Amino acid sequence: MSDKSSKTVGNSIEETRQYHARYLRAVNNPLRRRILRALKEGCSTPEDLQSRTGLDGKTLEWHLKVLEHDFCVEKEKKQGRLEYKLTQEGKIIDYLE
């Protein structure tokens, strides 16, 4: 059953249900949707996201962890800087609101 082109499809129906529940929890929060909209502009550092969203550092960090854990964003180090980008699943922001 596994379709590895999607991070929200597991190896069983139950695993897929759990992934979908996590994913829906992530995108069902208005602050996390604000972060996803900010990331539509491209890869961003936490500082850039703080500026774009108006969220304080701790709040932003918490929501980024949720979004990463729940398949919506990925983080990577580029030239010693931490950057976040939308995953395929995170691009759902184009269809929300």
PDB file of N, CA and C in Angstrom:
ATOM      1  N   MET A   1       0.810  -1.195   0.000  1.00  0.00           N
ATOM      2  CA  MET A   1       0.000   0.000   0.000  1.00  0.00           C
ATOM      3  C   MET A   1       0.851   1.256   0.000  1.00  0.00           C
ATOM      4  N   SER A   2       2.097   1.136   0.295  1.00  0.00           N
ATOM      5  CA  SER A   2       2.947   2.303   0.465  1.00  0.00           C
ATOM      6  C   SER A   2       3.183   3.045  -0.842  1.00  0.00           C
ATOM      7  N   ASP A   3       2.985   4.355  -0.805  1.00  0.00           N
ATOM      8  CA  ASP A   3       3.287   5.251  -1.927  1.00  0.00           C
ATOM      9  C   ASP A   3       4.277   6.268  -1.399  1.00  0.00           C
ATOM     10  N   LYS A   4       5.551   6.034  -1.601  1.00  0.00           N
ATOM     11  CA  LYS A   4       6.574   6.866  -0.967  1.00  0.00           C
ATOM     12  C   LYS A   4       6.713   8.255  -1.602  1.00  0.00           C
ATOM     13  N   SER A   5       5.906   8.568  -2.620  1.00  0.00           N
ATOM     14  CA  SER A   5       5.912   9.940  -3.121  1.00  0.00           C
ATOM     15  C   SER A   5       5.164  10.856  -2.167  1.00  0.00           C
ATOM     16  N   SER A   6       4.374  10.287  -1.276  1.00  0.00           N
ATOM     17  CA  SER A   6       3.645  11.042  -0.264  1.00  0.00           C
ATOM     18  C   SER A   6       4.114  10.604   1.111  1.00  0.00           C
ATOM     19  N   LYS A   7       4.433  11.576   1.946  1.00  0.00           N
ATOM     20  CA  LYS A   7       4.864  11.257   3.302  1.00  0.00           C
ATOM     21  C   LYS A   7       3.689  10.886   4.191  1.00  0.00           C
ATOM     22  N   THR A   8       2.470  11.135   3.735  1.00  0.00           N
ATOM     23  CA  THR A   8       1.309  10.850   4.568  1.00  0.00           C
ATOM     24  C   THR A   8       0.674   9.503   4.261  1.00  0.00           C
ATOM     25  N   VAL A   9       1.341   8.683   3.465  1.00  0.00           N
ATOM     26  CA  VAL A   9       0.853   7.338   3.186  1.00  0.00           C
ATOM     27  C   VAL A   9       1.794   6.354   3.862  1.00  0.00           C
ATOM     28  N   GLY A  10       1.244   5.548   4.759  1.00  0.00           N
ATOM     29  CA  GLY A  10       2.049   4.592   5.504  1.00  0.00           C
ATOM     30  C   GLY A  10       2.039   3.223   4.871  1.00  0.00           C
ATOM     31  N   ASN A  11       2.540   2.259   5.627  1.00  0.00           N
ATOM     32  CA  ASN A  11       2.613   0.882   5.147  1.00  0.00           C
ATOM     33  C   ASN A  11       1.342   0.093   5.443  1.00  0.00           C
ATOM     34  N   SER A  12       0.412   0.703   6.177  1.00  0.00           N
ATOM     35  CA  SER A  12      -0.866   0.055   6.468  1.00  0.00           C
ATOM     36  C   SER A  12      -1.946   1.136   6.518  1.00  0.00           C
ATOM     37  N   ILE A  13      -3.182   0.706   6.505  1.00  0.00           N
ATOM     38  CA  ILE A  13      -4.287   1.668   6.581  1.00  0.00           C
ATOM     39  C   ILE A  13      -4.240   2.414   7.921  1.00  0.00           C
ATOM     40  N   GLU A  14      -3.967   1.683   8.991  1.00  0.00           N
ATOM     41  CA  GLU A  14      -3.914   2.326  10.318  1.00  0.00           C
ATOM     42  C   GLU A  14      -2.790   3.362  10.392  1.00  0.00           C
ATOM     43  N   GLU A  15      -1.635   3.024   9.860  1.00  0.00           N
ATOM     44  CA  GLU A  15      -0.517   3.966   9.848  1.00  0.00           C
ATOM     45  C   GLU A  15      -0.864   5.198   9.004  1.00  0.00           C
ATOM     46  N   THR A  16      -1.505   4.991   7.879  1.00  0.00           N
ATOM     47  CA  THR A  16      -1.926   6.099   7.028  1.00  0.00           C
ATOM     48  C   THR A  16      -2.936   6.979   7.751  1.00  0.00           C
ATOM     49  N   ARG A  17      -3.864   6.387   8.466  1.00  0.00           N
ATOM     50  CA  ARG A  17      -4.827   7.169   9.255  1.00  0.00           C
ATOM     51  C   ARG A  17      -4.118   8.025  10.294  1.00  0.00           C
ATOM     52  N   GLN A  18      -3.141   7.448  10.964  1.00  0.00           N
ATOM     53  CA  GLN A  18      -2.381   8.205  11.963  1.00  0.00           C
ATOM     54  C   GLN A  18      -1.636   9.368  11.310  1.00  0.00           C
ATOM     55  N   TYR A  19      -1.019   9.133  10.169  1.00  0.00           N
ATOM     56  CA  TYR A  19      -0.311  10.196   9.449  1.00  0.00           C
ATOM     57  C   TYR A  19      -1.279  11.306   9.046  1.00  0.00           C
ATOM     58  N   HIS A  20      -2.433  10.929   8.547  1.00  0.00           N
ATOM     59  CA  HIS A  20      -3.419  11.936   8.127  1.00  0.00           C
ATOM     60  C   HIS A  20      -3.923  12.740   9.314  1.00  0.00           C
ATOM     61  N   ALA A  21      -4.123  12.097  10.442  1.00  0.00           N
ATOM     62  CA  ALA A  21      -4.567  12.819  11.644  1.00  0.00           C
ATOM     63  C   ALA A  21      -3.510  13.839  12.060  1.00  0.00           C
ATOM     64  N   ARG A  22      -2.249  13.448  12.036  1.00  0.00           N
ATOM     65  CA  ARG A  22      -1.160  14.382  12.372  1.00  0.00           C
ATOM     66  C   ARG A  22      -1.124  15.547  11.388  1.00  0.00           C
ATOM     67  N   TYR A  23      -1.225  15.227  10.123  1.00  0.00           N
ATOM     68  CA  TYR A  23      -1.180  16.246   9.070  1.00  0.00           C
ATOM     69  C   TYR A  23      -2.330  17.236   9.209  1.00  0.00           C
ATOM     70  N   LEU A  24      -3.526  16.717   9.426  1.00  0.00           N
ATOM     71  CA  LEU A  24      -4.694  17.599   9.570  1.00  0.00           C
ATOM     72  C   LEU A  24      -4.599  18.456  10.825  1.00  0.00           C
ATOM     73  N   ARG A  25      -4.048  17.908  11.888  1.00  0.00           N
ATOM     74  CA  ARG A  25      -3.827  18.700  13.100  1.00  0.00           C
ATOM     75  C   ARG A  25      -2.906  19.872  12.808  1.00  0.00           C
ATOM     76  N   ALA A  26      -1.884  19.632  12.011  1.00  0.00           N
ATOM     77  CA  ALA A  26      -0.916  20.687  11.698  1.00  0.00           C
ATOM     78  C   ALA A  26      -1.545  21.818  10.899  1.00  0.00           C
ATOM     79  N   VAL A  27      -2.310  21.498   9.883  1.00  0.00           N
ATOM     80  CA  VAL A  27      -2.846  22.546   9.009  1.00  0.00           C
ATOM     81  C   VAL A  27      -4.130  23.156   9.547  1.00  0.00           C
ATOM     82  N   ASN A  28      -4.654  22.621  10.644  1.00  0.00           N
ATOM     83  CA  ASN A  28      -5.899  23.129  11.205  1.00  0.00           C
ATOM     84  C   ASN A  28      -5.680  24.282  12.193  1.00  0.00           C
ATOM     85  N   ASN A  29      -4.482  24.778  12.295  1.00  0.00           N
ATOM     86  CA  ASN A  29      -4.168  25.856  13.232  1.00  0.00           C
ATOM     87  C   ASN A  29      -3.875  27.137  12.448  1.00  0.00           C
ATOM     88  N   PRO A  30      -4.521  28.249  12.799  1.00  0.00           N
ATOM     89  CA  PRO A  30      -4.322  29.485  12.032  1.00  0.00           C
ATOM     90  C   PRO A  30      -2.887  30.012  12.075  1.00  0.00           C
ATOM     91  N   LEU A  31      -2.173  29.826  13.176  1.00  0.00           N
ATOM     92  CA  LEU A  31      -0.785  30.291  13.223  1.00  0.00           C
ATOM     93  C   LEU A  31       0.102  29.450  12.311  1.00  0.00           C
ATOM     94  N   ARG A  32      -0.151  28.154  12.266  1.00  0.00           N
ATOM     95  CA  ARG A  32       0.643  27.310  11.377  1.00  0.00           C
ATOM     96  C   ARG A  32       0.317  27.590   9.917  1.00  0.00           C
ATOM     97  N   ARG A  33      -0.933  27.923   9.621  1.00  0.00           N
ATOM     98  CA  ARG A  33      -1.271  28.313   8.239  1.00  0.00           C
ATOM     99  C   ARG A  33      -0.562  29.624   7.883  1.00  0.00           C
ATOM    100  N   ARG A  34      -0.415  30.524   8.844  1.00  0.00           N
ATOM    101  CA  ARG A  34       0.315  31.774   8.596  1.00  0.00           C
ATOM    102  C   ARG A  34       1.778  31.469   8.240  1.00  0.00           C
ATOM    103  N   ILE A  35       2.365  30.528   8.942  1.00  0.00           N
ATOM    104  CA  ILE A  35       3.752  30.129   8.655  1.00  0.00           C
ATOM    105  C   ILE A  35       3.840  29.504   7.268  1.00  0.00           C
ATOM    106  N   LEU A  36       2.905  28.630   6.932  1.00  0.00           N
ATOM    107  CA  LEU A  36       2.907  28.003   5.608  1.00  0.00           C
ATOM    108  C   LEU A  36       2.781  29.051   4.506  1.00  0.00           C
ATOM    109  N   ARG A  37       1.907  30.039   4.706  1.00  0.00           N
ATOM    110  CA  ARG A  37       1.775  31.116   3.707  1.00  0.00           C
ATOM    111  C   ARG A  37       3.085  31.879   3.563  1.00  0.00           C
ATOM    112  N   ALA A  38       3.766  32.127   4.675  1.00  0.00           N
ATOM    113  CA  ALA A  38       5.056  32.834   4.624  1.00  0.00           C
ATOM    114  C   ALA A  38       6.097  32.010   3.870  1.00  0.00           C
ATOM    115  N   LEU A  39       6.024  30.704   3.975  1.00  0.00           N
ATOM    116  CA  LEU A  39       6.990  29.841   3.288  1.00  0.00           C
ATOM    117  C   LEU A  39       6.698  29.683   1.803  1.00  0.00           C
ATOM    118  N   LYS A  40       5.520  30.103   1.353  1.00  0.00           N
ATOM    119  CA  LYS A  40       5.218  30.052  -0.084  1.00  0.00           C
ATOM    120  C   LYS A  40       6.213  30.889  -0.871  1.00  0.00           C
ATOM    121  N   GLU A  41       6.795  31.899  -0.242  1.00  0.00           N
ATOM    122  CA  GLU A  41       7.760  32.764  -0.912  1.00  0.00           C
ATOM    123  C   GLU A  41       9.097  32.071  -1.141  1.00  0.00           C
ATOM    124  N   GLY A  42       9.303  30.931  -0.530  1.00  0.00           N
ATOM    125  CA  GLY A  42      10.543  30.182  -0.700  1.00  0.00           C
ATOM    126  C   GLY A  42      11.177  29.843   0.635  1.00  0.00           C
ATOM    127  N   CYS A  43      12.356  29.227   0.584  1.00  0.00           N
ATOM    128  CA  CYS A  43      13.066  28.838   1.795  1.00  0.00           C
ATOM    129  C   CYS A  43      13.284  30.051   2.681  1.00  0.00           C
ATOM    130  N   SER A  44      13.166  29.837   3.984  1.00  0.00           N
ATOM    131  CA  SER A  44      13.308  30.941   4.921  1.00  0.00           C
ATOM    132  C   SER A  44      14.012  30.498   6.187  1.00  0.00           C
ATOM    133  N   THR A  45      14.776  31.408   6.750  1.00  0.00           N
ATOM    134  CA  THR A  45      15.379  31.173   8.055  1.00  0.00           C
ATOM    135  C   THR A  45      14.332  31.457   9.126  1.00  0.00           C
ATOM    136  N   PRO A  46      14.564  30.992  10.335  1.00  0.00           N
ATOM    137  CA  PRO A  46      13.636  31.323  11.418  1.00  0.00           C
ATOM    138  C   PRO A  46      13.486  32.840  11.604  1.00  0.00           C
ATOM    139  N   GLU A  47      14.560  33.579  11.439  1.00  0.00           N
ATOM    140  CA  GLU A  47      14.499  35.038  11.578  1.00  0.00           C
ATOM    141  C   GLU A  47      13.614  35.661  10.504  1.00  0.00           C
ATOM    142  N   ASP A  48      13.744  35.187   9.270  1.00  0.00           N
ATOM    143  CA  ASP A  48      12.888  35.674   8.183  1.00  0.00           C
ATOM    144  C   ASP A  48      11.418  35.373   8.491  1.00  0.00           C
ATOM    145  N   LEU A  49      11.165  34.169   8.972  1.00  0.00           N
ATOM    146  CA  LEU A  49       9.787  33.777   9.280  1.00  0.00           C
ATOM    147  C   LEU A  49       9.219  34.594  10.438  1.00  0.00           C
ATOM    148  N   GLN A  50      10.056  34.889  11.403  1.00  0.00           N
ATOM    149  CA  GLN A  50       9.613  35.721  12.517  1.00  0.00           C
ATOM    150  C   GLN A  50       9.174  37.090  11.999  1.00  0.00           C
ATOM    151  N   SER A  51       9.956  37.639  11.112  1.00  0.00           N
ATOM    152  CA  SER A  51       9.638  38.947  10.546  1.00  0.00           C
ATOM    153  C   SER A  51       8.363  38.898   9.710  1.00  0.00           C
ATOM    154  N   ARG A  52       8.208  37.858   8.905  1.00  0.00           N
ATOM    155  CA  ARG A  52       7.039  37.741   8.017  1.00  0.00           C
ATOM    156  C   ARG A  52       5.739  37.436   8.753  1.00  0.00           C
ATOM    157  N   THR A  53       5.847  36.681   9.851  1.00  0.00           N
ATOM    158  CA  THR A  53       4.629  36.242  10.535  1.00  0.00           C
ATOM    159  C   THR A  53       4.282  37.086  11.755  1.00  0.00           C
ATOM    160  N   GLY A  54       5.267  37.780  12.317  1.00  0.00           N
ATOM    161  CA  GLY A  54       5.030  38.554  13.526  1.00  0.00           C
ATOM    162  C   GLY A  54       4.987  37.707  14.788  1.00  0.00           C
ATOM    163  N   LEU A  55       5.356  36.436  14.687  1.00  0.00           N
ATOM    164  CA  LEU A  55       5.356  35.547  15.846  1.00  0.00           C
ATOM    165  C   LEU A  55       6.662  35.691  16.618  1.00  0.00           C
ATOM    166  N   ASP A  56       6.593  35.544  17.945  1.00  0.00           N
ATOM    167  CA  ASP A  56       7.827  35.580  18.736  1.00  0.00           C
ATOM    168  C   ASP A  56       8.590  34.276  18.505  1.00  0.00           C
ATOM    169  N   GLY A  57       9.868  34.288  18.852  1.00  0.00           N
ATOM    170  CA  GLY A  57      10.754  33.169  18.557  1.00  0.00           C
ATOM    171  C   GLY A  57      10.312  31.836  19.120  1.00  0.00           C
ATOM    172  N   LYS A  58       9.888  31.800  20.374  1.00  0.00           N
ATOM    173  CA  LYS A  58       9.486  30.533  21.006  1.00  0.00           C
ATOM    174  C   LYS A  58       8.215  29.973  20.374  1.00  0.00           C
ATOM    175  N   THR A  59       7.252  30.846  20.103  1.00  0.00           N
ATOM    176  CA  THR A  59       5.999  30.404  19.469  1.00  0.00           C
ATOM    177  C   THR A  59       6.283  29.858  18.082  1.00  0.00           C
ATOM    178  N   LEU A  60       7.093  30.577  17.323  1.00  0.00           N
ATOM    179  CA  LEU A  60       7.450  30.141  15.977  1.00  0.00           C
ATOM    180  C   LEU A  60       8.164  28.793  16.021  1.00  0.00           C
ATOM    181  N   GLU A  61       9.113  28.657  16.924  1.00  0.00           N
ATOM    182  CA  GLU A  61       9.864  27.408  17.047  1.00  0.00           C
ATOM    183  C   GLU A  61       8.933  26.227  17.333  1.00  0.00           C
ATOM    184  N   TRP A  62       7.980  26.409  18.233  1.00  0.00           N
ATOM    185  CA  TRP A  62       7.017  25.347  18.572  1.00  0.00           C
ATOM    186  C   TRP A  62       6.217  24.936  17.333  1.00  0.00           C
ATOM    187  N   HIS A  63       5.674  25.913  16.633  1.00  0.00           N
ATOM    188  CA  HIS A  63       4.827  25.606  15.482  1.00  0.00           C
ATOM    189  C   HIS A  63       5.632  25.011  14.330  1.00  0.00           C
ATOM    190  N   LEU A  64       6.876  25.434  14.149  1.00  0.00           N
ATOM    191  CA  LEU A  64       7.726  24.833  13.121  1.00  0.00           C
ATOM    192  C   LEU A  64       8.000  23.364  13.439  1.00  0.00           C
ATOM    193  N   LYS A  65       8.194  23.042  14.710  1.00  0.00           N
ATOM    194  CA  LYS A  65       8.404  21.642  15.092  1.00  0.00           C
ATOM    195  C   LYS A  65       7.177  20.802  14.769  1.00  0.00           C
ATOM    196  N   VAL A  66       6.005  21.344  15.054  1.00  0.00           N
ATOM    197  CA  VAL A  66       4.761  20.621  14.737  1.00  0.00           C
ATOM    198  C   VAL A  66       4.657  20.430  13.225  1.00  0.00           C
ATOM    199  N   LEU A  67       4.893  21.497  12.463  1.00  0.00           N
ATOM    200  CA  LEU A  67       4.795  21.406  11.001  1.00  0.00           C
ATOM    201  C   LEU A  67       5.808  20.420  10.426  1.00  0.00           C
ATOM    202  N   GLU A  68       6.996  20.386  10.995  1.00  0.00           N
ATOM    203  CA  GLU A  68       8.008  19.446  10.520  1.00  0.00           C
ATOM    204  C   GLU A  68       7.606  18.007  10.880  1.00  0.00           C
ATOM    205  N   HIS A  69       7.201  17.786  12.095  1.00  0.00           N
ATOM    206  CA  HIS A  69       6.799  16.453  12.551  1.00  0.00           C
ATOM    207  C   HIS A  69       5.595  15.935  11.770  1.00  0.00           C
ATOM    208  N   ASP A  70       4.743  16.853  11.342  1.00  0.00           N
ATOM    209  CA  ASP A  70       3.492  16.469  10.691  1.00  0.00           C
ATOM    210  C   ASP A  70       3.517  16.690   9.179  1.00  0.00           C
ATOM    211  N   PHE A  71       4.726  16.628   8.604  1.00  0.00           N
ATOM    212  CA  PHE A  71       4.935  16.496   7.156  1.00  0.00           C
ATOM    213  C   PHE A  71       4.805  17.767   6.315  1.00  0.00           C
ATOM    214  N   CYS A  72       4.657  18.932   6.897  1.00  0.00           N
ATOM    215  CA  CYS A  72       4.382  20.140   6.115  1.00  0.00           C
ATOM    216  C   CYS A  72       5.618  20.942   5.739  1.00  0.00           C
ATOM    217  N   VAL A  73       6.673  20.866   6.540  1.00  0.00           N
ATOM    218  CA  VAL A  73       7.908  21.586   6.241  1.00  0.00           C
ATOM    219  C   VAL A  73       9.107  20.675   6.480  1.00  0.00           C
ATOM    220  N   GLU A  74      10.196  21.036   5.837  1.00  0.00           N
ATOM    221  CA  GLU A  74      11.479  20.369   6.052  1.00  0.00           C
ATOM    222  C   GLU A  74      12.491  21.438   6.416  1.00  0.00           C
ATOM    223  N   LYS A  75      13.469  21.056   7.224  1.00  0.00           N
ATOM    224  CA  LYS A  75      14.536  22.002   7.525  1.00  0.00           C
ATOM    225  C   LYS A  75      15.849  21.427   7.029  1.00  0.00           C
ATOM    226  N   GLU A  76      16.736  22.321   6.669  1.00  0.00           N
ATOM    227  CA  GLU A  76      18.060  21.907   6.227  1.00  0.00           C
ATOM    228  C   GLU A  76      19.049  23.019   6.528  1.00  0.00           C
ATOM    229  N   LYS A  77      20.303  22.632   6.632  1.00  0.00           N
ATOM    230  CA  LYS A  77      21.375  23.608   6.842  1.00  0.00           C
ATOM    231  C   LYS A  77      21.943  23.976   5.485  1.00  0.00           C
ATOM    232  N   LYS A  78      21.982  25.272   5.219  1.00  0.00           N
ATOM    233  CA  LYS A  78      22.590  25.779   3.993  1.00  0.00           C
ATOM    234  C   LYS A  78      23.601  26.832   4.382  1.00  0.00           C
ATOM    235  N   GLN A  79      24.845  26.578   4.056  1.00  0.00           N
ATOM    236  CA  GLN A  79      25.927  27.510   4.357  1.00  0.00           C
ATOM    237  C   GLN A  79      25.909  27.921   5.832  1.00  0.00           C
ATOM    238  N   GLY A  80      25.683  26.921   6.697  1.00  0.00           N
ATOM    239  CA  GLY A  80      25.686  27.160   8.134  1.00  0.00           C
ATOM    240  C   GLY A  80      24.423  27.797   8.687  1.00  0.00           C
ATOM    241  N   ARG A  81      23.431  28.022   7.836  1.00  0.00           N
ATOM    242  CA  ARG A  81      22.166  28.639   8.276  1.00  0.00           C
ATOM    243  C   ARG A  81      21.047  27.621   8.194  1.00  0.00           C
ATOM    244  N   LEU A  82      20.174  27.650   9.188  1.00  0.00           N
ATOM    245  CA  LEU A  82      19.014  26.782   9.202  1.00  0.00           C
ATOM    246  C   LEU A  82      17.926  27.407   8.341  1.00  0.00           C
ATOM    247  N   GLU A  83      17.388  26.626   7.405  1.00  0.00           N
ATOM    248  CA  GLU A  83      16.317  27.105   6.536  1.00  0.00           C
ATOM    249  C   GLU A  83      15.175  26.094   6.519  1.00  0.00           C
ATOM    250  N   TYR A  84      13.973  26.630   6.388  1.00  0.00           N
ATOM    251  CA  TYR A  84      12.766  25.817   6.274  1.00  0.00           C
ATOM    252  C   TYR A  84      12.172  25.983   4.891  1.00  0.00           C
ATOM    253  N   LYS A  85      11.556  24.913   4.399  1.00  0.00           N
ATOM    254  CA  LYS A  85      10.862  24.988   3.111  1.00  0.00           C
ATOM    255  C   LYS A  85       9.615  24.125   3.175  1.00  0.00           C
ATOM    256  N   LEU A  86       8.664  24.427   2.313  1.00  0.00           N
ATOM    257  CA  LEU A  86       7.440  23.638   2.231  1.00  0.00           C
ATOM    258  C   LEU A  86       7.726  22.278   1.610  1.00  0.00           C
ATOM    259  N   THR A  87       7.052  21.277   2.119  1.00  0.00           N
ATOM    260  CA  THR A  87       7.052  19.973   1.463  1.00  0.00           C
ATOM    261  C   THR A  87       5.885  19.966   0.480  1.00  0.00           C
ATOM    262  N   GLN A  88       5.758  18.887  -0.262  1.00  0.00           N
ATOM    263  CA  GLN A  88       4.610  18.758  -1.159  1.00  0.00           C
ATOM    264  C   GLN A  88       3.308  18.871  -0.363  1.00  0.00           C
ATOM    265  N   GLU A  89       3.282  18.233   0.808  1.00  0.00           N
ATOM    266  CA  GLU A  89       2.086  18.285   1.649  1.00  0.00           C
ATOM    267  C   GLU A  89       1.825  19.696   2.175  1.00  0.00           C
ATOM    268  N   GLY A  90       2.864  20.444   2.442  1.00  0.00           N
ATOM    269  CA  GLY A  90       2.710  21.807   2.939  1.00  0.00           C
ATOM    270  C   GLY A  90       2.134  22.758   1.913  1.00  0.00           C
ATOM    271  N   LYS A  91       2.235  22.396   0.655  1.00  0.00           N
ATOM    272  CA  LYS A  91       1.704  23.261  -0.416  1.00  0.00           C
ATOM    273  C   LYS A  91       0.185  23.285  -0.441  1.00  0.00           C
ATOM    274  N   ILE A  92      -0.447  22.549   0.463  1.00  0.00           N
ATOM    275  CA  ILE A  92      -1.897  22.598   0.578  1.00  0.00           C
ATOM    276  C   ILE A  92      -2.363  24.012   0.896  1.00  0.00           C
ATOM    277  N   ILE A  93      -1.478  24.826   1.420  1.00  0.00           N
ATOM    278  CA  ILE A  93      -1.848  26.205   1.789  1.00  0.00           C
ATOM    279  C   ILE A  93      -2.425  26.943   0.591  1.00  0.00           C
ATOM    280  N   ASP A  94      -2.067  26.528  -0.614  1.00  0.00           N
ATOM    281  CA  ASP A  94      -2.640  27.144  -1.822  1.00  0.00           C
ATOM    282  C   ASP A  94      -4.150  26.925  -1.917  1.00  0.00           C
ATOM    283  N   TYR A  95      -4.653  25.922  -1.224  1.00  0.00           N
ATOM    284  CA  TYR A  95      -6.068  25.568  -1.342  1.00  0.00           C
ATOM    285  C   TYR A  95      -6.891  25.844  -0.085  1.00  0.00           C
ATOM    286  N   LEU A  96      -6.262  26.386   0.940  1.00  0.00           N
ATOM    287  CA  LEU A  96      -6.948  26.695   2.184  1.00  0.00           C
ATOM    288  C   LEU A  96      -7.308  28.178   2.223  1.00  0.00           C
ATOM    289  N   GLU A  97      -8.410  28.483   2.796  1.00  0.00           N
ATOM    290  CA  GLU A  97      -8.910  29.839   3.006  1.00  0.00           C
ATOM    291  C   GLU A  97      -9.090  30.526   1.728  1.00  0.00           C
TER     292      GLU A  97
END
